[in-house]
Amino acid sequence: MSNVTCLTIEHLPLTIEDVLAVSAGECDVVLSDEATFVKCILDGRDALEHLKEKQQVVYGVTTGVGDSCTTSVSKENADQFALNLLRFHGCGMGEYLDERTSKAVLLVRLASLKTGFSAVRLELLQFLTRLLQLGITPRIPAEGSVGASGDLTPLSYVAAVVVGEREVYHNGEVRPTKTVFDEQGITPLALKAKEALAIMNGTSVMTAIACIAYARAARLVRLGAAVTAMLVEVLQVNKGHFDLRIFEQKPHPGQLAVARQICRQVKYDANYQLKDGERIQATYAVRCAPHILGVLEDSLGWMRQFIETEINSVNDNPLIDPKRGDVLHGGNFYGGHIAFAMDSMKNAVANLADLFDRQMALLVNERKNNGLPPNLSGAPVSERSIHHGFKAVHIATSAFASEALKGAMPASVFSRSTESNNQDKVSLGTISARDCIRVLELTEQNLAALLLAAAQGIDLRVRAGEMSLDSLHPELVGLYTHIRACSDFVAQDRALESDLRTLVSDIASGRVEKEV
């Protein structure tokens, strides 16, 4: 790759930003050849081979899996057993994870396997690294995981690619793995005992999705504060609501940070005075915006801790102590922390969808918008009876908000006993993460609609001589300019779908965030 940094897979932990950079193609990946790092991996594998030779009971190596753990597997059949394991889990359904998310999955799984405790061969880590380097990414169905015993079914698609089966993304296309391997001169890697289980028996799909959700949620807070600042200017409400002395008396750090951004972007200072006749208090959708946005901002810290701990955890079963050679049978594949983080995130994000819908309601309602035209119509007064401005857009934001709020129901409380009651309490972390992405999508749609409406409100004020762009904070002018590059002033009724889709894409990708 050109003009990219390089991430070395070694002892040091990975961050959410590392995962995002690699998945976006902004960072290459290499596997460390440092002696102690390599030795730990080799020691873990040697310990497993020793246990296997002694025919010691090792789950998934000398035994069957799940409720079949009482079934013995001979050392002669151990390698074939690994191949069968990945094959019978090839039953994923639903939409496929996109290429970027699947690449994140591959990196997160590599991060989990690099400690030696998973007892995989160095060759497997090298193979996964090579896939990342060549941009060969497993095509993974999104549905089929209960989140404990990890992401078995979706991660089986990673294991299948290693042995040359199923499909991959490569150069923007979906193609058979074998075809791409042949073109690239890659020989599939025959998995040895435990290696298929080590790839599959973990939380890497839910965690990769969580990394992407985290970044999108963080962007929503900053953009939500910026659009609130635009509304303060457009609706001409009391800027004193954002006096930092108020928030210093309820000093949640994230809430204070949101208030500080709004305070700066509305150019508030302590000498501010309300004009005669101005309403002393705005409705909660403006006045309490820092408190609403602040819940998510204040939660991002512990969510980061949960996600990054999971990225860097050994989350398969069993574990092999590379120093002592002990086999440790446990349940690190349980995705409860990611499930809780994602259930909590989608709750906080859905509240933003609701906030943006309420803010839209203020803008379009002539009884609440302080003199702006009904539905923000840009048509001349003589034609307003036949032009409807943002009327339908508001209906759409209400629909988006309703669906987002419905999606905020925590998935993790719907645990189902499965697999002959062996997996009798499961995390549903992958469902939580997928649900969170959907809630984020809906909230980004609401934000895009609100940004279009806020820009319309600015133009209406400017055209009426009640405001000038020069009076706005430069960051708000930058945001307004970006909006106008996606959508012109609505002077007459027209379809806004294309404008909205363009702006939604810019929000989700982070292009809009650069303005603020």
Protein backbone atom coordinates (compact mmCIF):
# COMPACT_ATOMS: atom_id res chain seq x y z
CA MET A 1 0.00 0.00 0.00
CA SER A 2 1.13 3.59 -0.55
CA ASN A 3 0.82 6.44 1.93
CA VAL A 4 -0.31 4.17 4.74
CA THR A 5 1.09 3.46 8.16
CA CYS A 6 1.91 -0.03 9.35
CA LEU A 7 0.55 -1.95 12.35
CA THR A 8 2.74 -4.63 13.88
CA ILE A 9 0.95 -7.52 15.53
CA GLU A 10 2.94 -8.18 18.69
CA HIS A 11 2.65 -8.00 22.49
CA LEU A 12 1.16 -4.50 22.56
CA PRO A 13 -2.64 -4.20 22.60
CA LEU A 14 -4.66 -2.94 19.65
CA THR A 15 -7.03 0.02 19.87
CA ILE A 16 -10.38 0.68 18.24
CA GLU A 17 -8.57 3.14 15.98
CA ASP A 18 -6.13 0.41 14.89
CA VAL A 19 -9.03 -1.78 13.85
CA LEU A 20 -10.74 1.05 11.99
CA ALA A 21 -7.55 2.08 10.18
CA VAL A 22 -6.79 -1.44 8.98
CA SER A 23 -10.38 -2.12 7.97
CA ALA A 24 -10.48 1.12 5.98
CA GLY A 25 -7.28 0.25 4.12
CA GLU A 26 -5.39 3.11 5.77
CA CYS A 27 -2.90 0.87 7.58
CA ASP A 28 -0.97 -2.23 6.56
CA VAL A 29 -0.36 -5.17 8.89
CA VAL A 30 2.78 -7.15 9.65
CA LEU A 31 3.37 -9.95 12.12
CA SER A 32 6.21 -9.40 14.57
CA ASP A 33 9.26 -11.62 14.32
CA GLU A 34 10.54 -10.52 17.73
CA ALA A 35 12.03 -13.54 19.52
CA THR A 36 9.95 -13.58 22.72
CA PHE A 37 6.75 -13.01 20.76
CA VAL A 38 7.46 -15.90 18.41
CA LYS A 39 8.60 -18.15 21.27
CA CYS A 40 5.34 -17.69 23.14
CA ILE A 41 3.36 -18.81 20.08
CA LEU A 42 5.63 -21.79 19.48
CA ASP A 43 5.52 -22.79 23.15
CA GLY A 44 1.72 -22.76 23.13
CA ARG A 45 1.57 -25.03 20.10
CA ASP A 46 4.25 -27.36 21.47
CA ALA A 47 2.30 -27.68 24.71
CA LEU A 48 -0.84 -28.70 22.82
CA GLU A 49 1.03 -31.24 20.69
CA HIS A 50 2.44 -32.76 23.86
CA LEU A 51 -1.03 -33.03 25.39
CA LYS A 52 -2.38 -34.56 22.20
CA GLU A 53 0.36 -37.16 22.06
CA LYS A 54 -0.36 -38.16 25.66
CA GLN A 55 -4.06 -38.46 24.71
CA GLN A 56 -4.89 -36.13 27.58
CA VAL A 57 -8.47 -34.95 27.53
CA VAL A 58 -8.49 -31.63 25.66
CA TYR A 59 -11.86 -30.29 24.61
CA GLY A 60 -12.20 -30.00 20.84
CA VAL A 61 -8.96 -31.90 20.27
CA THR A 62 -9.37 -35.32 21.86
CA THR A 63 -13.11 -34.81 22.43
CA GLY A 64 -16.10 -33.71 20.43
CA VAL A 65 -17.50 -30.21 20.85
CA GLY A 66 -20.45 -28.79 22.73
CA ASP A 67 -22.72 -31.41 24.25
CA SER A 68 -20.65 -34.00 22.38
CA CYS A 69 -17.65 -33.33 24.64
CA THR A 70 -18.03 -36.83 26.09
CA THR A 71 -17.19 -38.32 22.68
CA SER A 72 -13.54 -39.24 22.19
CA VAL A 73 -11.55 -38.20 19.12
CA SER A 74 -8.37 -40.11 18.33
CA LYS A 75 -5.19 -38.24 17.53
CA GLU A 76 -5.32 -39.77 14.05
CA ASN A 77 -8.68 -38.08 13.41
CA ALA A 78 -7.90 -34.75 15.07
CA ASP A 79 -6.98 -32.90 11.87
CA GLN A 80 -10.02 -34.17 9.92
CA PHE A 81 -12.18 -33.27 12.89
CA ALA A 82 -10.96 -29.65 12.60
CA LEU A 83 -12.00 -29.58 8.93
CA ASN A 84 -15.42 -31.07 9.66
CA LEU A 85 -15.94 -28.50 12.43
CA LEU A 86 -15.65 -25.52 10.10
CA ARG A 87 -17.74 -27.21 7.42
CA PHE A 88 -20.81 -28.11 9.44
CA HIS A 89 -20.94 -24.56 10.83
CA GLY A 90 -21.32 -23.16 7.32
CA CYS A 91 -24.99 -22.32 7.79
CA GLY A 92 -24.94 -18.52 8.16
CA MET A 93 -27.86 -16.58 6.76
CA GLY A 94 -29.11 -13.04 6.21
CA GLU A 95 -27.20 -10.13 4.74
CA TYR A 96 -23.44 -10.40 4.46
CA LEU A 97 -21.12 -8.20 6.47
CA ASP A 98 -19.61 -5.60 4.18
CA GLU A 99 -15.97 -5.84 3.17
CA ARG A 100 -14.78 -3.30 5.72
CA THR A 101 -16.49 -5.03 8.63
CA SER A 102 -15.25 -8.44 7.51
CA LYS A 103 -11.70 -7.10 7.35
CA ALA A 104 -12.11 -5.82 10.90
CA VAL A 105 -13.24 -9.31 11.93
CA LEU A 106 -10.08 -10.80 10.43
CA LEU A 107 -7.82 -8.38 12.31
CA VAL A 108 -9.65 -8.79 15.63
CA ARG A 109 -9.40 -12.57 15.35
CA LEU A 110 -5.69 -12.30 14.64
CA ALA A 111 -5.29 -10.08 17.72
CA SER A 112 -6.95 -12.71 19.89
CA LEU A 113 -4.85 -15.60 18.60
CA LYS A 114 -1.44 -13.94 19.04
CA THR A 115 -0.73 -14.69 22.72
CA GLY A 116 0.13 -18.40 22.56
CA PHE A 117 -2.81 -19.34 24.80
CA SER A 118 -4.86 -20.38 21.77
CA ALA A 119 -2.12 -22.88 20.82
CA VAL A 120 -2.28 -22.20 17.09
CA ARG A 121 0.76 -22.50 14.85
CA LEU A 122 2.82 -19.51 13.81
CA GLU A 123 1.94 -20.48 10.23
CA LEU A 124 -1.73 -19.75 10.87
CA LEU A 125 -0.98 -16.26 12.19
CA GLN A 126 1.24 -15.65 9.18
CA PHE A 127 -1.52 -16.82 6.85
CA LEU A 128 -4.13 -14.51 8.40
CA THR A 129 -1.66 -11.64 8.20
CA ARG A 130 -1.05 -12.35 4.53
CA LEU A 131 -4.77 -12.27 3.81
CA LEU A 132 -4.93 -8.81 5.38
CA GLN A 133 -1.93 -7.65 3.40
CA LEU A 134 -3.40 -8.83 0.11
CA GLY A 135 -6.90 -7.52 0.80
CA ILE A 136 -8.44 -10.98 0.69
CA THR A 137 -11.36 -10.86 3.09
CA PRO A 138 -13.81 -13.62 4.07
CA ARG A 139 -17.41 -13.03 3.04
CA ILE A 140 -19.35 -13.56 6.27
CA PRO A 141 -23.14 -13.91 6.70
CA ALA A 142 -24.35 -11.69 9.52
CA GLU A 143 -26.87 -14.07 11.10
CA GLY A 144 -26.39 -17.32 12.95
CA SER A 145 -24.46 -16.52 16.14
CA VAL A 146 -25.82 -16.58 19.70
CA GLY A 147 -22.62 -14.99 20.99
CA ALA A 148 -21.55 -17.96 23.13
CA SER A 149 -19.86 -20.27 22.25
CA GLY A 150 -18.58 -17.17 20.60
CA ASP A 151 -19.33 -16.39 16.97
CA LEU A 152 -19.04 -19.99 15.81
CA THR A 153 -21.02 -19.85 12.59
CA PRO A 154 -19.81 -16.49 11.21
CA LEU A 155 -16.19 -17.20 12.22
CA SER A 156 -16.38 -20.55 10.44
CA TYR A 157 -16.27 -18.46 7.26
CA VAL A 158 -12.83 -17.20 8.31
CA ALA A 159 -11.64 -20.76 8.96
CA ALA A 160 -13.12 -21.91 5.65
CA VAL A 161 -11.18 -19.28 3.71
CA VAL A 162 -7.95 -20.41 5.36
CA VAL A 163 -8.47 -23.88 3.86
CA GLY A 164 -9.48 -22.42 0.49
CA GLU A 165 -13.26 -22.78 0.71
CA ARG A 166 -16.32 -20.47 0.34
CA GLU A 167 -16.05 -16.88 -0.90
CA VAL A 168 -13.98 -13.77 -0.35
CA TYR A 169 -14.02 -10.08 -1.12
CA HIS A 170 -11.07 -9.09 -3.31
CA ASN A 171 -10.57 -5.87 -5.25
CA GLY A 172 -14.19 -4.93 -4.62
CA GLU A 173 -15.60 -8.19 -5.99
CA VAL A 174 -17.07 -11.33 -4.44
CA ARG A 175 -15.27 -14.38 -5.79
CA PRO A 176 -14.62 -18.02 -4.89
CA THR A 177 -11.73 -18.32 -2.44
CA LYS A 178 -10.00 -20.99 -4.52
CA THR A 179 -10.04 -18.80 -7.64
CA VAL A 180 -8.45 -15.86 -5.82
CA PHE A 181 -5.88 -18.11 -4.13
CA ASP A 182 -4.89 -19.61 -7.48
CA GLU A 183 -4.43 -16.15 -8.99
CA GLN A 184 -2.35 -14.97 -6.04
CA GLY A 185 -0.27 -18.12 -5.81
CA ILE A 186 -1.58 -18.96 -2.34
CA THR A 187 -1.65 -22.53 -1.10
CA PRO A 188 -4.52 -23.12 1.36
CA LEU A 189 -3.39 -23.91 4.88
CA ALA A 190 -4.40 -27.31 6.22
CA LEU A 191 -5.64 -26.66 9.73
CA LYS A 192 -4.28 -28.81 12.52
CA ALA A 193 -5.91 -29.94 15.75
CA LYS A 194 -7.69 -27.15 17.64
CA GLU A 195 -6.97 -24.50 14.99
CA ALA A 196 -10.45 -24.45 13.48
CA LEU A 197 -11.91 -24.27 16.98
CA ALA A 198 -9.48 -21.49 17.92
CA ILE A 199 -10.55 -19.40 14.93
CA MET A 200 -14.26 -20.01 15.43
CA ASN A 201 -14.70 -20.11 19.20
CA GLY A 202 -14.48 -16.39 19.96
CA THR A 203 -16.11 -12.96 20.03
CA SER A 204 -14.40 -11.34 17.06
CA VAL A 205 -17.45 -10.70 14.88
CA MET A 206 -19.41 -8.86 17.56
CA THR A 207 -16.26 -7.00 18.62
CA ALA A 208 -15.39 -5.89 15.09
CA ILE A 209 -18.93 -4.60 14.61
CA ALA A 210 -18.66 -2.84 17.98
CA CYS A 211 -15.52 -1.00 16.83
CA ILE A 212 -17.38 0.39 13.83
CA ALA A 213 -20.43 1.24 15.94
CA TYR A 214 -18.24 3.08 18.43
CA ALA A 215 -16.79 5.40 15.81
CA ARG A 216 -20.20 6.18 14.34
CA ALA A 217 -21.70 6.87 17.77
CA ALA A 218 -18.86 9.23 18.68
CA ARG A 219 -19.43 11.16 15.44
CA LEU A 220 -23.14 11.49 16.21
CA VAL A 221 -22.39 13.27 19.48
CA ARG A 222 -20.20 15.89 17.83
CA LEU A 223 -22.57 16.41 14.92
CA GLY A 224 -25.56 16.44 17.26
CA ALA A 225 -23.95 19.26 19.23
CA ALA A 226 -23.20 21.16 16.00
CA VAL A 227 -26.72 20.87 14.62
CA THR A 228 -28.07 22.00 18.00
CA ALA A 229 -25.86 25.08 17.73
CA MET A 230 -27.33 25.71 14.27
CA LEU A 231 -30.82 25.45 15.72
CA VAL A 232 -29.98 27.94 18.47
CA GLU A 233 -29.05 30.42 15.75
CA VAL A 234 -31.97 29.61 13.45
CA LEU A 235 -34.64 29.56 16.17
CA GLN A 236 -33.05 32.55 17.94
CA VAL A 237 -33.35 30.98 21.37
CA ASN A 238 -31.67 31.92 24.65
CA LYS A 239 -27.94 31.17 24.30
CA GLY A 240 -27.64 31.38 28.06
CA HIS A 241 -28.86 27.79 28.25
CA PHE A 242 -25.28 26.81 27.40
CA ASP A 243 -23.48 28.94 29.97
CA LEU A 244 -20.81 26.56 31.27
CA ARG A 245 -21.50 27.58 34.86
CA ILE A 246 -24.72 25.59 34.61
CA PHE A 247 -22.90 22.42 33.58
CA GLU A 248 -20.10 22.86 36.06
CA GLN A 249 -22.72 22.34 38.76
CA LYS A 250 -23.61 18.96 37.25
CA PRO A 251 -20.14 18.04 36.06
CA HIS A 252 -20.54 14.90 34.00
CA PRO A 253 -17.43 15.29 31.81
CA GLY A 254 -19.07 14.29 28.54
CA GLN A 255 -22.11 16.46 29.13
CA LEU A 256 -19.80 19.38 29.92
CA ALA A 257 -17.81 18.72 26.74
CA VAL A 258 -20.99 18.84 24.63
CA ALA A 259 -22.07 22.07 26.31
CA ARG A 260 -18.62 23.54 25.73
CA GLN A 261 -18.85 22.75 22.00
CA ILE A 262 -22.31 24.30 21.66
CA CYS A 263 -21.27 27.30 23.77
CA ARG A 264 -18.30 27.91 21.48
CA GLN A 265 -20.24 27.40 18.26
CA VAL A 266 -23.01 29.86 19.23
CA LYS A 267 -20.35 32.39 20.30
CA TYR A 268 -21.77 32.69 23.79
CA ASP A 269 -20.09 34.78 26.45
CA ALA A 270 -21.12 35.78 29.96
CA ASN A 271 -22.11 39.28 28.81
CA TYR A 272 -24.90 37.86 26.63
CA GLN A 273 -28.31 39.46 27.17
CA LEU A 274 -31.72 38.38 25.94
CA LYS A 275 -33.41 40.84 23.63
CA ASP A 276 -36.70 42.36 24.66
CA GLY A 277 -39.58 40.02 23.97
CA GLU A 278 -37.42 36.91 23.51
CA ARG A 279 -38.60 33.71 25.18
CA ILE A 280 -36.61 33.06 28.35
CA GLN A 281 -36.55 29.26 27.99
CA ALA A 282 -36.42 27.04 24.94
CA THR A 283 -38.09 23.63 24.95
CA TYR A 284 -36.13 20.65 26.23
CA ALA A 285 -35.13 19.49 22.75
CA VAL A 286 -32.78 22.50 22.60
CA ARG A 287 -32.20 23.46 26.23
CA CYS A 288 -31.44 19.90 27.36
CA ALA A 289 -29.53 18.80 24.26
CA PRO A 290 -26.18 18.67 26.13
CA HIS A 291 -27.78 16.49 28.79
CA ILE A 292 -29.17 14.10 26.16
CA LEU A 293 -26.07 13.99 24.00
CA GLY A 294 -23.92 13.86 27.12
CA VAL A 295 -25.26 10.48 28.17
CA LEU A 296 -23.70 8.88 25.11
CA GLU A 297 -20.54 10.97 25.33
CA ASP A 298 -20.03 10.01 28.97
CA SER A 299 -20.66 6.33 28.17
CA LEU A 300 -18.12 6.11 25.37
CA GLY A 301 -15.26 5.80 27.86
CA TRP A 302 -16.42 2.61 29.50
CA MET A 303 -17.64 1.28 26.17
CA ARG A 304 -14.12 1.78 24.78
CA GLN A 305 -12.72 -0.13 27.74
CA PHE A 306 -15.10 -3.04 27.17
CA ILE A 307 -14.44 -3.15 23.41
CA GLU A 308 -10.67 -2.81 23.57
CA THR A 309 -10.36 -5.37 26.35
CA GLU A 310 -12.33 -7.78 24.16
CA ILE A 311 -10.19 -7.02 21.09
CA ASN A 312 -7.07 -8.01 22.99
CA SER A 313 -8.52 -10.92 24.94
CA VAL A 314 -7.95 -14.63 24.41
CA ASN A 315 -11.57 -15.60 23.94
CA ASP A 316 -11.57 -19.18 22.70
CA ASN A 317 -11.76 -22.45 24.64
CA PRO A 318 -9.85 -24.33 25.82
CA LEU A 319 -6.75 -22.27 26.57
CA ILE A 320 -3.27 -23.72 26.77
CA ASP A 321 -0.81 -22.11 29.17
CA PRO A 322 2.32 -21.80 26.99
CA LYS A 323 4.64 -21.71 30.03
CA ARG A 324 3.23 -24.51 32.18
CA GLY A 325 1.60 -26.56 29.44
CA ASP A 326 -1.70 -26.77 31.34
CA VAL A 327 -5.02 -27.05 29.53
CA LEU A 328 -7.61 -24.62 30.86
CA HIS A 329 -11.26 -25.33 30.11
CA GLY A 330 -13.43 -22.25 30.52
CA GLY A 331 -15.86 -19.85 28.86
CA ASN A 332 -13.97 -16.81 27.56
CA PHE A 333 -16.02 -17.05 24.37
CA TYR A 334 -18.97 -15.52 26.23
CA GLY A 335 -19.75 -12.11 24.71
CA GLY A 336 -21.53 -10.52 27.65
CA HIS A 337 -19.41 -7.39 27.81
CA ILE A 338 -19.88 -6.57 24.14
CA ALA A 339 -23.58 -7.38 24.42
CA PHE A 340 -24.00 -4.96 27.32
CA ALA A 341 -21.97 -2.24 25.60
CA MET A 342 -23.97 -2.56 22.38
CA ASP A 343 -27.33 -2.76 24.14
CA SER A 344 -26.39 0.36 26.09
CA MET A 345 -25.06 2.16 23.03
CA LYS A 346 -28.17 1.58 20.98
CA ASN A 347 -30.28 2.91 23.88
CA ALA A 348 -28.25 6.12 24.04
CA VAL A 349 -28.16 6.47 20.24
CA ALA A 350 -31.90 5.89 19.91
CA ASN A 351 -32.39 8.78 22.31
CA LEU A 352 -30.48 10.92 19.81
CA ALA A 353 -32.81 9.78 17.02
CA ASP A 354 -35.70 10.92 19.18
CA LEU A 355 -33.94 14.20 19.98
CA PHE A 356 -33.34 14.95 16.30
CA ASP A 357 -36.99 14.23 15.52
CA ARG A 358 -38.09 16.62 18.28
CA GLN A 359 -35.71 19.28 16.99
CA MET A 360 -37.14 18.81 13.50
CA ALA A 361 -40.61 19.31 14.96
CA LEU A 362 -39.54 22.69 16.32
CA LEU A 363 -38.16 23.83 12.97
CA VAL A 364 -41.19 22.96 10.86
CA ASN A 365 -43.90 24.15 13.26
CA GLU A 366 -44.74 27.83 12.68
CA ARG A 367 -46.04 28.02 16.25
CA LYS A 368 -42.63 27.01 17.60
CA ASN A 369 -40.03 28.18 15.07
CA ASN A 370 -40.03 31.89 15.89
CA GLY A 371 -41.32 33.31 12.66
CA LEU A 372 -40.05 30.87 10.05
CA PRO A 373 -42.50 29.72 7.33
CA PRO A 374 -44.64 26.62 7.97
CA ASN A 375 -42.67 23.45 7.15
CA LEU A 376 -39.70 25.69 6.25
CA SER A 377 -41.22 26.29 2.84
CA GLY A 378 -38.96 28.33 0.59
CA ALA A 379 -41.73 29.18 -1.84
CA PRO A 380 -43.04 32.74 -2.21
CA VAL A 381 -45.94 33.57 0.13
CA SER A 382 -48.35 33.54 -2.81
CA GLU A 383 -47.43 29.90 -3.61
CA ARG A 384 -47.10 28.40 -0.14
CA SER A 385 -50.51 26.80 -0.30
CA ILE A 386 -49.23 24.39 -2.95
CA HIS A 387 -45.69 23.83 -1.61
CA HIS A 388 -45.00 21.71 1.45
CA GLY A 389 -41.32 22.17 2.23
CA PHE A 390 -40.17 19.70 4.87
CA LYS A 391 -43.59 18.33 5.84
CA ALA A 392 -42.92 14.80 4.56
CA VAL A 393 -39.32 14.89 5.76
CA HIS A 394 -40.64 15.42 9.27
CA ILE A 395 -42.97 12.46 8.89
CA ALA A 396 -39.97 10.41 7.78
CA THR A 397 -37.87 11.46 10.78
CA SER A 398 -40.71 10.38 13.05
CA ALA A 399 -40.71 7.00 11.32
CA PHE A 400 -36.93 6.68 11.65
CA ALA A 401 -37.08 7.64 15.32
CA SER A 402 -39.87 5.17 16.05
CA GLU A 403 -37.94 2.32 14.46
CA ALA A 404 -34.76 3.32 16.29
CA LEU A 405 -36.58 3.36 19.61
CA LYS A 406 -38.06 -0.05 18.88
CA GLY A 407 -34.58 -1.32 18.11
CA ALA A 408 -33.30 -0.11 21.48
CA MET A 409 -34.78 -3.16 23.19
CA PRO A 410 -31.80 -5.00 24.76
CA ALA A 411 -31.05 -8.19 22.86
CA SER A 412 -29.00 -9.73 25.66
CA VAL A 413 -32.05 -10.33 27.86
CA PHE A 414 -33.49 -12.69 25.23
CA SER A 415 -31.00 -15.51 25.86
CA ARG A 416 -32.17 -18.90 24.59
CA SER A 417 -30.93 -22.32 25.63
CA THR A 418 -29.57 -24.19 22.63
CA GLU A 419 -27.30 -27.03 21.48
CA SER A 420 -28.85 -29.76 23.64
CA ASN A 421 -28.95 -27.36 26.60
CA ASN A 422 -25.16 -27.16 26.69
CA GLN A 423 -25.23 -23.55 25.53
CA ASP A 424 -27.97 -22.85 28.05
CA LYS A 425 -27.16 -19.17 28.71
CA VAL A 426 -25.87 -17.17 25.76
CA SER A 427 -24.89 -13.52 25.32
CA LEU A 428 -26.54 -12.67 21.98
CA GLY A 429 -23.74 -10.12 21.66
CA THR A 430 -23.59 -10.34 17.88
CA ILE A 431 -27.30 -9.63 17.59
CA SER A 432 -26.85 -6.68 19.96
CA ALA A 433 -24.03 -5.33 17.81
CA ARG A 434 -25.97 -5.77 14.57
CA ASP A 435 -29.01 -4.11 16.14
CA CYS A 436 -26.81 -1.22 17.22
CA ILE A 437 -25.63 -0.67 13.67
CA ARG A 438 -29.26 -0.53 12.53
CA VAL A 439 -30.13 2.02 15.22
CA LEU A 440 -27.11 4.06 14.16
CA GLU A 441 -28.24 3.96 10.53
CA LEU A 442 -31.70 5.24 11.46
CA THR A 443 -30.26 7.96 13.67
CA GLU A 444 -27.87 9.07 10.92
CA GLN A 445 -30.89 9.34 8.63
CA ASN A 446 -32.61 11.57 11.18
CA LEU A 447 -29.51 13.68 11.55
CA ALA A 448 -29.18 14.11 7.78
CA ALA A 449 -32.78 15.27 7.55
CA LEU A 450 -32.29 17.68 10.43
CA LEU A 451 -29.12 19.10 8.88
CA LEU A 452 -30.99 19.78 5.63
CA ALA A 453 -33.73 21.50 7.60
CA ALA A 454 -31.26 23.56 9.64
CA ALA A 455 -29.53 24.75 6.45
CA GLN A 456 -32.96 25.64 5.03
CA GLY A 457 -33.69 27.63 8.18
CA ILE A 458 -30.40 29.52 7.87
CA ASP A 459 -31.16 30.41 4.27
CA LEU A 460 -34.65 31.59 5.17
CA ARG A 461 -33.24 33.86 7.88
CA VAL A 462 -30.54 35.19 5.55
CA ARG A 463 -33.06 35.87 2.76
CA ALA A 464 -35.28 37.70 5.24
CA GLY A 465 -32.35 39.86 6.35
CA GLU A 466 -32.49 38.43 9.88
CA MET A 467 -29.09 36.74 9.81
CA SER A 468 -25.87 36.67 7.83
CA LEU A 469 -23.54 33.74 7.31
CA ASP A 470 -20.71 35.94 8.53
CA SER A 471 -22.37 36.08 11.93
CA LEU A 472 -22.09 32.31 12.37
CA HIS A 473 -19.16 30.47 13.90
CA PRO A 474 -16.75 29.29 11.15
CA GLU A 475 -17.41 25.64 12.07
CA LEU A 476 -21.12 26.11 11.51
CA VAL A 477 -20.41 27.85 8.21
CA GLY A 478 -18.25 24.87 7.21
CA LEU A 479 -21.04 22.48 8.13
CA TYR A 480 -23.61 24.58 6.28
CA THR A 481 -21.35 24.64 3.21
CA HIS A 482 -21.01 20.86 3.25
CA ILE A 483 -24.79 20.49 3.48
CA ARG A 484 -25.28 22.83 0.56
CA ALA A 485 -22.81 20.82 -1.50
CA CYS A 486 -25.19 17.88 -1.03
CA SER A 487 -28.50 19.70 -1.34
CA ASP A 488 -29.67 23.06 -2.69
CA PHE A 489 -32.15 25.37 -1.00
CA VAL A 490 -35.68 23.95 -1.30
CA ALA A 491 -37.53 26.73 -3.10
CA GLN A 492 -40.17 24.44 -4.61
CA ASP A 493 -41.30 20.94 -3.72
CA ARG A 494 -38.93 18.28 -5.01
CA ALA A 495 -37.85 14.77 -4.09
CA LEU A 496 -35.09 14.91 -1.44
CA GLU A 497 -34.20 11.22 -1.29
CA SER A 498 -31.00 11.57 -3.31
CA ASP A 499 -29.85 14.56 -1.23
CA LEU A 500 -30.56 12.68 1.98
CA ARG A 501 -28.73 9.55 0.84
CA THR A 502 -25.65 11.58 -0.09
CA LEU A 503 -25.58 13.32 3.26
CA VAL A 504 -26.23 10.09 5.19
CA SER A 505 -23.26 8.52 3.41
CA ASP A 506 -21.08 11.49 4.35
CA ILE A 507 -22.18 11.24 7.98
CA ALA A 508 -21.54 7.49 8.23
CA SER A 509 -18.11 7.78 6.59
CA GLY A 510 -16.98 10.69 8.76
CA ARG A 511 -16.71 13.20 5.93
CA VAL A 512 -19.20 15.60 7.55
CA GLU A 513 -17.51 15.37 10.95
CA LYS A 514 -14.37 17.01 9.54
CA GLU A 515 -16.27 20.30 9.39
CA VAL A 516 -16.75 20.44 13.16
